[in-house]
C-alpha atoms as a PDB file:
ATOM      1  CA  MET A   1      53.849 125.307  78.500  1.00  0.00           C
ATOM      2  CA  LEU A   2      52.850 123.498  81.479  1.00  0.00           C
ATOM      3  CA  LYS A   3      49.850 121.088  81.549  1.00  0.00           C
ATOM      4  CA  ILE A   4      48.541 121.302  85.525  1.00  0.00           C
ATOM      5  CA  THR A   5      45.432 119.164  86.849  1.00  0.00           C
ATOM      6  CA  ILE A   6      43.824 120.852  89.805  1.00  0.00           C
ATOM      7  CA  PHE A   7      41.542 118.838  91.649  1.00  0.00           C
ATOM      8  CA  GLN A   8      38.771 120.565  93.530  1.00  0.00           C
ATOM      9  CA  THR A   9      37.847 117.654  96.026  1.00  0.00           C
ATOM     10  CA  TYR A  10      35.556 117.114  98.897  1.00  0.00           C
ATOM     11  CA  ILE A  11      37.002 115.954 101.553  1.00  0.00           C
ATOM     12  CA  PHE A  12      36.027 113.495 103.994  1.00  0.00           C
ATOM     13  CA  TRP A  13      36.681 114.734 107.244  1.00  0.00           C
ATOM     14  CA  GLU A  14      39.915 112.986 108.924  1.00  0.00           C
ATOM     15  CA  ASN A  15      38.945 110.073 107.201  1.00  0.00           C
ATOM     16  CA  ILE A  16      42.869 109.221 105.468  1.00  0.00           C
ATOM     17  CA  GLU A  17      41.407 105.619 103.709  1.00  0.00           C
ATOM     18  CA  ARG A  18      38.269 107.026 102.000  1.00  0.00           C
ATOM     19  CA  ASN A  19      39.988 110.502 100.938  1.00  0.00           C
ATOM     20  CA  LEU A  20      42.613 108.091  99.607  1.00  0.00           C
ATOM     21  CA  TYR A  21      40.134 106.298  97.843  1.00  0.00           C
ATOM     22  CA  ASN A  22      38.253 108.557  95.776  1.00  0.00           C
ATOM     23  CA  MET A  23      40.774 110.782  95.030  1.00  0.00           C
ATOM     24  CA  ASP A  24      42.139 108.135  93.106  1.00  0.00           C
ATOM     25  CA  ALA A  25      39.127 106.794  91.731  1.00  0.00           C
ATOM     26  CA  ALA A  26      38.563 110.598  90.164  1.00  0.00           C
ATOM     27  CA  LEU A  27      42.332 111.068  88.795  1.00  0.00           C
ATOM     28  CA  SER A  28      41.961 107.865  86.849  1.00  0.00           C
ATOM     29  CA  THR A  29      39.405 109.332  84.851  1.00  0.00           C
ATOM     30  CA  ILE A  30      42.462 111.996  83.589  1.00  0.00           C
ATOM     31  CA  GLN A  31      42.616 111.524  79.961  1.00  0.00           C
ATOM     32  CA  GLU A  32      45.650 113.393  78.845  1.00  0.00           C
ATOM     33  CA  LYS A  33      48.992 114.102  80.060  1.00  0.00           C
ATOM     34  CA  THR A  34      50.104 116.147  82.229  1.00  0.00           C
ATOM     35  CA  ASP A  35      53.087 117.535  83.627  1.00  0.00           C
ATOM     36  CA  LEU A  36      52.108 118.417  87.339  1.00  0.00           C
ATOM     37  CA  ILE A  37      48.344 117.767  89.888  1.00  0.00           C
ATOM     38  CA  ILE A  38      47.593 120.050  92.274  1.00  0.00           C
ATOM     39  CA  LEU A  39      45.847 119.045  95.138  1.00  0.00           C
ATOM     40  CA  PRO A  40      43.970 121.422  98.358  1.00  0.00           C
ATOM     41  CA  GLU A  41      45.910 121.413 101.875  1.00  0.00           C
ATOM     42  CA  MET A  42      45.708 118.727 104.126  1.00  0.00           C
ATOM     43  CA  PHE A  43      43.829 116.587 101.040  1.00  0.00           C
ATOM     44  CA  ASN A  44      43.892 114.044 102.892  1.00  0.00           C
ATOM     45  CA  THR A  45      42.321 114.709 106.606  1.00  0.00           C
ATOM     46  CA  GLY A  46      40.751 118.212 105.997  1.00  0.00           C
ATOM     47  CA  PHE A  47      42.242 120.938 108.109  1.00  0.00           C
ATOM     48  CA  THR A  48      42.238 118.869 111.542  1.00  0.00           C
ATOM     49  CA  MET A  49      44.055 120.130 114.427  1.00  0.00           C
ATOM     50  CA  ASN A  50      43.927 115.827 115.729  1.00  0.00           C
ATOM     51  CA  VAL A  51      47.509 115.981 114.767  1.00  0.00           C
ATOM     52  CA  GLU A  52      48.837 113.088 116.715  1.00  0.00           C
ATOM     53  CA  LYS A  53      45.213 111.194 115.429  1.00  0.00           C
ATOM     54  CA  PHE A  54      46.158 111.824 112.104  1.00  0.00           C
ATOM     55  CA  ALA A  55      49.926 113.217 111.569  1.00  0.00           C
ATOM     56  CA  GLU A  56      52.128 110.631 109.434  1.00  0.00           C
ATOM     57  CA  LYS A  57      55.494 110.181 109.004  1.00  0.00           C
ATOM     58  CA  MET A  58      57.789 111.055 106.148  1.00  0.00           C
ATOM     59  CA  ASN A  59      57.658 107.518 105.074  1.00  0.00           C
ATOM     60  CA  GLY A  60      53.800 106.457 105.247  1.00  0.00           C
ATOM     61  CA  LYS A  61      50.985 105.989 103.987  1.00  0.00           C
ATOM     62  CA  THR A  62      50.188 108.787 102.305  1.00  0.00           C
ATOM     63  CA  MET A  63      53.368 109.791 100.677  1.00  0.00           C
ATOM     64  CA  GLN A  64      53.652 106.548  99.415  1.00  0.00           C
ATOM     65  CA  TRP A  65      50.647 106.717  97.761  1.00  0.00           C
ATOM     66  CA  MET A  66      51.917 110.522  96.170  1.00  0.00           C
ATOM     67  CA  HIS A  67      54.525 108.341  94.765  1.00  0.00           C
ATOM     68  CA  GLN A  68      51.632 105.551  93.387  1.00  0.00           C
ATOM     69  CA  GLN A  69      50.372 108.421  91.663  1.00  0.00           C
ATOM     70  CA  ALA A  70      53.352 110.873  90.329  1.00  0.00           C
ATOM     71  CA  LYS A  71      54.742 107.503  89.413  1.00  0.00           C
ATOM     72  CA  ARG A  72      51.321 106.572  87.668  1.00  0.00           C
ATOM     73  CA  PHE A  73      51.188 109.425  85.597  1.00  0.00           C
ATOM     74  CA  ASP A  74      54.778 110.155  85.382  1.00  0.00           C
ATOM     75  CA  CYS A  75      54.617 113.820  86.498  1.00  0.00           C
ATOM     76  CA  ILE A  76      54.682 115.514  89.650  1.00  0.00           C
ATOM     77  CA  VAL A  77      51.669 115.818  91.889  1.00  0.00           C
ATOM     78  CA  THR A  78      51.835 118.391  94.989  1.00  0.00           C
ATOM     79  CA  GLY A  79      49.693 118.639  98.166  1.00  0.00           C
ATOM     80  CA  SER A  80      49.728 119.550 101.931  1.00  0.00           C
ATOM     81  CA  LEU A  81      49.371 116.747 105.040  1.00  0.00           C
ATOM     82  CA  ILE A  82      50.231 116.377 108.417  1.00  0.00           C
ATOM     83  CA  ILE A  83      53.911 115.161 109.368  1.00  0.00           C
ATOM     84  CA  LYS A  84      55.454 114.345 112.429  1.00  0.00           C
ATOM     85  CA  GLU A  85      58.948 115.171 112.638  1.00  0.00           C
ATOM     86  CA  GLY A  86      60.393 114.644 116.486  1.00  0.00           C
ATOM     87  CA  GLN A  87      58.064 115.936 118.903  1.00  0.00           C
ATOM     88  CA  HIS A  88      56.913 118.948 116.463  1.00  0.00           C
ATOM     89  CA  TYR A  89      53.914 118.829 113.869  1.00  0.00           C
ATOM     90  CA  TYR A  90      53.957 120.261 110.293  1.00  0.00           C
ATOM     91  CA  ASN A  91      51.164 121.105 108.014  1.00  0.00           C
ATOM     92  CA  ARG A  92      53.918 120.299 104.711  1.00  0.00           C
ATOM     93  CA  LEU A  93      53.652 120.801 101.681  1.00  0.00           C
ATOM     94  CA  ILE A  94      55.049 118.010  99.440  1.00  0.00           C
ATOM     95  CA  TRP A  95      56.469 118.351  95.577  1.00  0.00           C
ATOM     96  CA  MET A  96      56.162 114.744  95.144  1.00  0.00           C
ATOM     97  CA  GLN A  97      58.426 113.689  92.076  1.00  0.00           C
ATOM     98  CA  SER A  98      57.353 110.090  89.906  1.00  0.00           C
ATOM     99  CA  ASP A  99      60.983 108.635  91.281  1.00  0.00           C
ATOM    100  CA  GLY A 100      59.498 108.968  94.941  1.00  0.00           C
ATOM    101  CA  THR A 101      62.327 111.740  95.143  1.00  0.00           C
ATOM    102  CA  PHE A 102      60.863 115.280  96.595  1.00  0.00           C
ATOM    103  CA  LYS A 103      60.046 118.231  98.166  1.00  0.00           C
ATOM    104  CA  LYS A 104      58.964 120.180 100.798  1.00  0.00           C
ATOM    105  CA  TYR A 105      57.774 123.258 102.272  1.00  0.00           C
ATOM    106  CA  ASP A 106      56.682 123.681 105.846  1.00  0.00           C
ATOM    107  CA  LYS A 107      53.621 126.453 105.715  1.00  0.00           C
ATOM    108  CA  ARG A 108      54.587 129.793 107.249  1.00  0.00           C
ATOM    109  CA  HIS A 109      51.973 131.289 108.604  1.00  0.00           C
ATOM    110  CA  LEU A 110      49.663 129.862 111.062  1.00  0.00           C
ATOM    111  CA  PHE A 111      46.086 130.490 111.297  1.00  0.00           C
ATOM    112  CA  TYR A 112      45.856 131.761 114.544  1.00  0.00           C
ATOM    113  CA  LEU A 113      42.304 132.035 114.467  1.00  0.00           C
ATOM    114  CA  GLY A 114      41.381 128.277 113.661  1.00  0.00           C
ATOM    115  CA  GLY A 115      44.313 127.195 116.185  1.00  0.00           C
ATOM    116  CA  GLU A 116      46.789 126.388 114.049  1.00  0.00           C
ATOM    117  CA  SER A 117      49.650 128.438 115.699  1.00  0.00           C
ATOM    118  CA  LYS A 118      48.833 125.868 119.178  1.00  0.00           C
ATOM    119  CA  TYR A 119      49.836 122.490 117.079  1.00  0.00           C
ATOM    120  CA  TYR A 120      51.976 123.106 114.225  1.00  0.00           C
ATOM    121  CA  THR A 121      55.624 124.432 114.085  1.00  0.00           C
ATOM    122  CA  ALA A 122      56.207 127.667 111.087  1.00  0.00           C
ATOM    123  CA  GLY A 123      58.593 127.113 108.677  1.00  0.00           C
ATOM    124  CA  LYS A 124      61.211 129.178 108.110  1.00  0.00           C
ATOM    125  CA  ARG A 125      62.049 128.429 103.827  1.00  0.00           C
ATOM    126  CA  ARG A 126      60.129 129.613 101.268  1.00  0.00           C
ATOM    127  CA  LEU A 127      60.620 127.115  98.536  1.00  0.00           C
ATOM    128  CA  ILE A 128      60.954 127.518  94.346  1.00  0.00           C
ATOM    129  CA  VAL A 129      61.167 124.735  92.604  1.00  0.00           C
ATOM    130  CA  GLU A 130      61.699 124.063  88.515  1.00  0.00           C
ATOM    131  CA  LEU A 131      59.454 122.119  86.467  1.00  0.00           C
ATOM    132  CA  ASN A 132      59.948 122.337  82.580  1.00  0.00           C
ATOM    133  CA  GLY A 133      61.577 125.366  82.713  1.00  0.00           C
ATOM    134  CA  TRP A 134      59.484 127.028  85.241  1.00  0.00           C
ATOM    135  CA  LYS A 135      60.132 128.273  88.653  1.00  0.00           C
ATOM    136  CA  ILE A 136      57.530 127.753  90.685  1.00  0.00           C
ATOM    137  CA  CYS A 137      56.810 128.986  94.188  1.00  0.00           C
ATOM    138  CA  PRO A 138      54.320 126.405  96.013  1.00  0.00           C
ATOM    139  CA  VAL A 139      52.634 128.165  99.388  1.00  0.00           C
ATOM    140  CA  LEU A 140      49.527 127.205 102.085  1.00  0.00           C
ATOM    141  CA  CYS A 141      46.537 129.192 102.410  1.00  0.00           C
ATOM    142  CA  TYR A 142      46.720 132.064 104.805  1.00  0.00           C
ATOM    143  CA  ASP A 143      50.309 132.600 103.559  1.00  0.00           C
ATOM    144  CA  LEU A 144      48.607 134.143 100.675  1.00  0.00           C
ATOM    145  CA  ARG A 145      47.797 137.461 102.959  1.00  0.00           C
ATOM    146  CA  PHE A 146      51.493 138.263 103.389  1.00  0.00           C
ATOM    147  CA  PRO A 147      52.497 139.699 100.049  1.00  0.00           C
ATOM    148  CA  VAL A 148      56.340 140.233 101.529  1.00  0.00           C
ATOM    149  CA  TRP A 149      56.157 136.453 102.133  1.00  0.00           C
ATOM    150  CA  LEU A 150      55.782 135.873  98.646  1.00  0.00           C
ATOM    151  CA  ARG A 151      57.211 138.615  96.759  1.00  0.00           C
ATOM    152  CA  ASN A 152      58.828 137.680  93.463  1.00  0.00           C
ATOM    153  CA  ASN A 153      62.036 139.558  94.253  1.00  0.00           C
ATOM    154  CA  ARG A 154      64.241 139.885  91.119  1.00  0.00           C
ATOM    155  CA  SER A 155      61.813 137.227  89.238  1.00  0.00           C
ATOM    156  CA  ALA A 156      62.482 134.327  91.371  1.00  0.00           C
ATOM    157  CA  TYR A 157      59.347 132.680  89.725  1.00  0.00           C
ATOM    158  CA  ASP A 158      56.680 132.816  87.193  1.00  0.00           C
ATOM    159  CA  LEU A 159      54.004 130.507  88.668  1.00  0.00           C
ATOM    160  CA  LEU A 160      52.771 130.921  92.325  1.00  0.00           C
ATOM    161  CA  LEU A 161      50.677 127.909  94.127  1.00  0.00           C
ATOM    162  CA  VAL A 162      47.931 128.589  96.668  1.00  0.00           C
ATOM    163  CA  VAL A 163      47.138 124.827  98.116  1.00  0.00           C
ATOM    164  CA  ALA A 164      44.515 125.642 100.542  1.00  0.00           C
ATOM    165  CA  SER A 165      41.625 125.229 102.982  1.00  0.00           C
ATOM    166  CA  TRP A 166      39.892 128.100 102.473  1.00  0.00           C
ATOM    167  CA  PRO A 167      36.448 129.323 103.980  1.00  0.00           C
ATOM    168  CA  GLU A 168      33.389 130.090 101.545  1.00  0.00           C
ATOM    169  CA  LYS A 169      33.166 133.261 103.903  1.00  0.00           C
ATOM    170  CA  ARG A 170      35.812 134.723 103.020  1.00  0.00           C
ATOM    171  CA  SER A 171      35.626 133.711  99.895  1.00  0.00           C
ATOM    172  CA  SER A 172      35.957 137.126  98.033  1.00  0.00           C
ATOM    173  CA  HIS A 173      38.878 137.557 100.114  1.00  0.00           C
ATOM    174  CA  TRP A 174      40.357 134.667  98.120  1.00  0.00           C
ATOM    175  CA  ARG A 175      39.468 135.299  94.669  1.00  0.00           C
ATOM    176  CA  MET A 176      41.042 139.444  95.106  1.00  0.00           C
ATOM    177  CA  LEU A 177      44.342 138.046  96.673  1.00  0.00           C
ATOM    178  CA  LEU A 178      44.812 135.984  94.294  1.00  0.00           C
ATOM    179  CA  GLN A 179      44.464 138.592  91.732  1.00  0.00           C
ATOM    180  CA  ALA A 180      46.534 141.212  93.906  1.00  0.00           C
ATOM    181  CA  ARG A 181      49.158 138.541  94.369  1.00  0.00           C
ATOM    182  CA  SER A 182      49.077 138.222  90.198  1.00  0.00           C
ATOM    183  CA  ILE A 183      49.439 141.548  89.526  1.00  0.00           C
ATOM    184  CA  GLU A 184      52.280 142.598  91.558  1.00  0.00           C
ATOM    185  CA  ASN A 185      54.659 139.847  90.661  1.00  0.00           C
ATOM    186  CA  GLN A 186      53.368 139.603  86.969  1.00  0.00           C
ATOM    187  CA  SER A 187      53.131 135.736  87.039  1.00  0.00           C
ATOM    188  CA  TYR A 188      50.585 133.217  87.299  1.00  0.00           C
ATOM    189  CA  VAL A 189      48.851 132.199  90.137  1.00  0.00           C
ATOM    190  CA  ILE A 190      47.439 129.266  90.875  1.00  0.00           C
ATOM    191  CA  GLY A 191      44.608 128.459  94.120  1.00  0.00           C
ATOM    192  CA  VAL A 192      43.468 124.939  94.836  1.00  0.00           C
ATOM    193  CA  ASN A 193      40.703 124.793  97.640  1.00  0.00           C
ATOM    194  CA  ARG A 194      38.844 122.320  98.571  1.00  0.00           C
ATOM    195  CA  TYR A 195      35.169 121.728  98.372  1.00  0.00           C
ATOM    196  CA  GLY A 196      32.170 121.141 100.722  1.00  0.00           C
ATOM    197  CA  HIS A 197      31.880 121.208 104.819  1.00  0.00           C
ATOM    198  CA  ASP A 198      34.288 120.031 107.169  1.00  0.00           C
ATOM    199  CA  GLY A 199      34.300 118.225 110.846  1.00  0.00           C
ATOM    200  CA  ASN A 200      33.368 121.695 112.346  1.00  0.00           C
ATOM    201  CA  GLU A 201      30.764 122.276 109.705  1.00  0.00           C
ATOM    202  CA  VAL A 202      33.009 125.722 108.086  1.00  0.00           C
ATOM    203  CA  TYR A 203      31.525 125.668 105.074  1.00  0.00           C
ATOM    204  CA  HIS A 204      34.027 125.871 101.557  1.00  0.00           C
ATOM    205  CA  SER A 205      32.925 126.830  98.201  1.00  0.00           C
ATOM    206  CA  GLY A 206      36.023 126.086  96.016  1.00  0.00           C
ATOM    207  CA  ASN A 207      36.642 128.890  94.104  1.00  0.00           C
ATOM    208  CA  SER A 208      39.878 127.301  92.788  1.00  0.00           C
ATOM    209  CA  MET A 209      41.144 130.023  90.204  1.00  0.00           C
ATOM    210  CA  CYS A 210      44.055 130.022  86.959  1.00  0.00           C
ATOM    211  CA  ILE A 211      44.904 134.125  86.963  1.00  0.00           C
ATOM    212  CA  ASP A 212      46.975 135.534  84.070  1.00  0.00           C
ATOM    213  CA  PRO A 213      50.512 137.430  84.876  1.00  0.00           C
ATOM    214  CA  ASN A 214      48.190 140.464  83.434  1.00  0.00           C
ATOM    215  CA  GLY A 215      45.469 139.631  86.838  1.00  0.00           C
ATOM    216  CA  ASN A 216      42.902 137.943  83.918  1.00  0.00           C
ATOM    217  CA  THR A 217      41.164 135.286  85.091  1.00  0.00           C
ATOM    218  CA  LEU A 218      41.007 131.651  83.593  1.00  0.00           C
ATOM    219  CA  TYR A 219      39.319 129.997  85.498  1.00  0.00           C
ATOM    220  CA  CYS A 220      37.277 129.676  88.290  1.00  0.00           C
ATOM    221  CA  LYS A 221      34.945 126.993  89.914  1.00  0.00           C
ATOM    222  CA  SER A 222      32.564 127.094  92.774  1.00  0.00           C
ATOM    223  CA  ASP A 223      30.484 124.625  94.815  1.00  0.00           C
ATOM    224  CA  ASP A 224      31.051 121.422  92.849  1.00  0.00           C
ATOM    225  CA  GLU A 225      34.246 119.115  93.039  1.00  0.00           C
ATOM    226  CA  ASP A 226      36.145 119.686  89.677  1.00  0.00           C
ATOM    227  CA  LEU A 227      39.202 117.523  88.221  1.00  0.00           C
ATOM    228  CA  TYR A 228      40.373 120.220  85.862  1.00  0.00           C
ATOM    229  CA  THR A 229      43.299 120.263  82.839  1.00  0.00           C
ATOM    230  CA  PHE A 230      44.263 123.020  81.650  1.00  0.00           C
ATOM    231  CA  THR A 231      47.680 124.847  79.721  1.00  0.00           C
ATOM    232  CA  ILE A 232      49.279 127.829  80.606  1.00  0.00           C
ATOM    233  CA  TYR A 233      52.621 129.360  78.297  1.00  0.00           C
ATOM    234  CA  LYS A 234      55.410 131.038  79.379  1.00  0.00           C
ATOM    235  CA  GLU A 235      55.196 133.340  76.716  1.00  0.00           C
ATOM    236  CA  GLU A 236      52.660 135.165  78.586  1.00  0.00           C
ATOM    237  CA  VAL A 237      55.122 135.902  82.177  1.00  0.00           C
ATOM    238  CA  LYS A 238      58.256 137.159  79.510  1.00  0.00           C
ATOM    239  CA  LYS A 239      55.482 139.076  77.366  1.00  0.00           C
ATOM    240  CA  ILE A 240      53.778 141.046  80.405  1.00  0.00           C
ATOM    241  CA  ARG A 241      57.251 141.417  81.882  1.00  0.00           C
ATOM    242  CA  ARG A 242      58.644 143.361  78.692  1.00  0.00           C
ATOM    243  CA  ALA A 243      55.645 144.879  78.367  1.00  0.00           C
ATOM    244  CA  LEU A 244      55.510 146.593  81.629  1.00  0.00           C
ATOM    245  CA  PRO A 245      58.857 146.500  83.451  1.00  0.00           C
ATOM    246  CA  PHE A 246      57.529 146.676  87.100  1.00  0.00           C
ATOM    247  CA  LEU A 247      59.586 144.588  88.883  1.00  0.00           C
ATOM    248  CA  LYS A 248      62.408 146.107  88.310  1.00  0.00           C
ATOM    249  CA  ASP A 249      61.979 148.894  90.052  1.00  0.00           C
ATOM    250  CA  ALA A 250      61.120 146.960  92.955  1.00  0.00           C
ATOM    251  CA  ASP A 251      62.520 147.453  96.345  1.00  0.00           C
ATOM    252  CA  ASP A 252      65.416 144.710  96.923  1.00  0.00           C
ATOM    253  CA  PHE A 253      64.877 143.286 101.072  1.00  0.00           C
ATOM    254  CA  LYS A 254      65.694 140.452 103.033  1.00  0.00           C
ATOM    255  CA  ILE A 255      63.535 138.605 105.459  1.00  0.00           C
ATOM    256  CA  ILE A 256      65.406 137.968 108.188  1.00  0.00           C
ATOM    257  CA  ILE A 257      63.526 134.937 110.259  1.00  0.00           C
END
């Protein structure tokens, strides 16, 4: 089993100090041991294109904060932030471990309509991490719309994790795409979204979700902050894949970038 805590948080626009303070206070209320804490996309700033002002280095304040939280709860902490490396800016998901070591995933599909592709550099590699016997594929927001990139080729993962800043006006797409990715990949899918208006007056209703490998919604919360801990079970993945071995018939392919 895997115990997971998701934080569908309100994000104060371009205010790193206030966001980290707010999340620190909220996380203090966690009463039970958890294996993984999941935060939304750009959890420390909101989905901003103001990269020169808010990008951090890999040893910056937010990275240090993530390490402190991972150490504090003896678990993984994940979410994305703006990182500058050389002359490039990345919307980078960090998979922070309690000992301070980490893995990273740079968002592959940049949201053209929001101007993201003008300011950020796209990633080229998918990330698969392991935690307590689970294989987990963490991705970012717009990636959800591209099933080839997320295809569970050769049963590469048991859990697809989507960290997002997804607007309410397309929330029906969010819910349906999360469910579709679960059914076609026979995996748990967890989507963690932000809540509230951003600096462009775009409203985010949250609708963070957990969906089981058969496409059933186990959790969904809208229009409020929510810090929620729940447990998922590896046997559910094995059971659906035994009963309906569709992945064995999937086309084999390789993505060339």
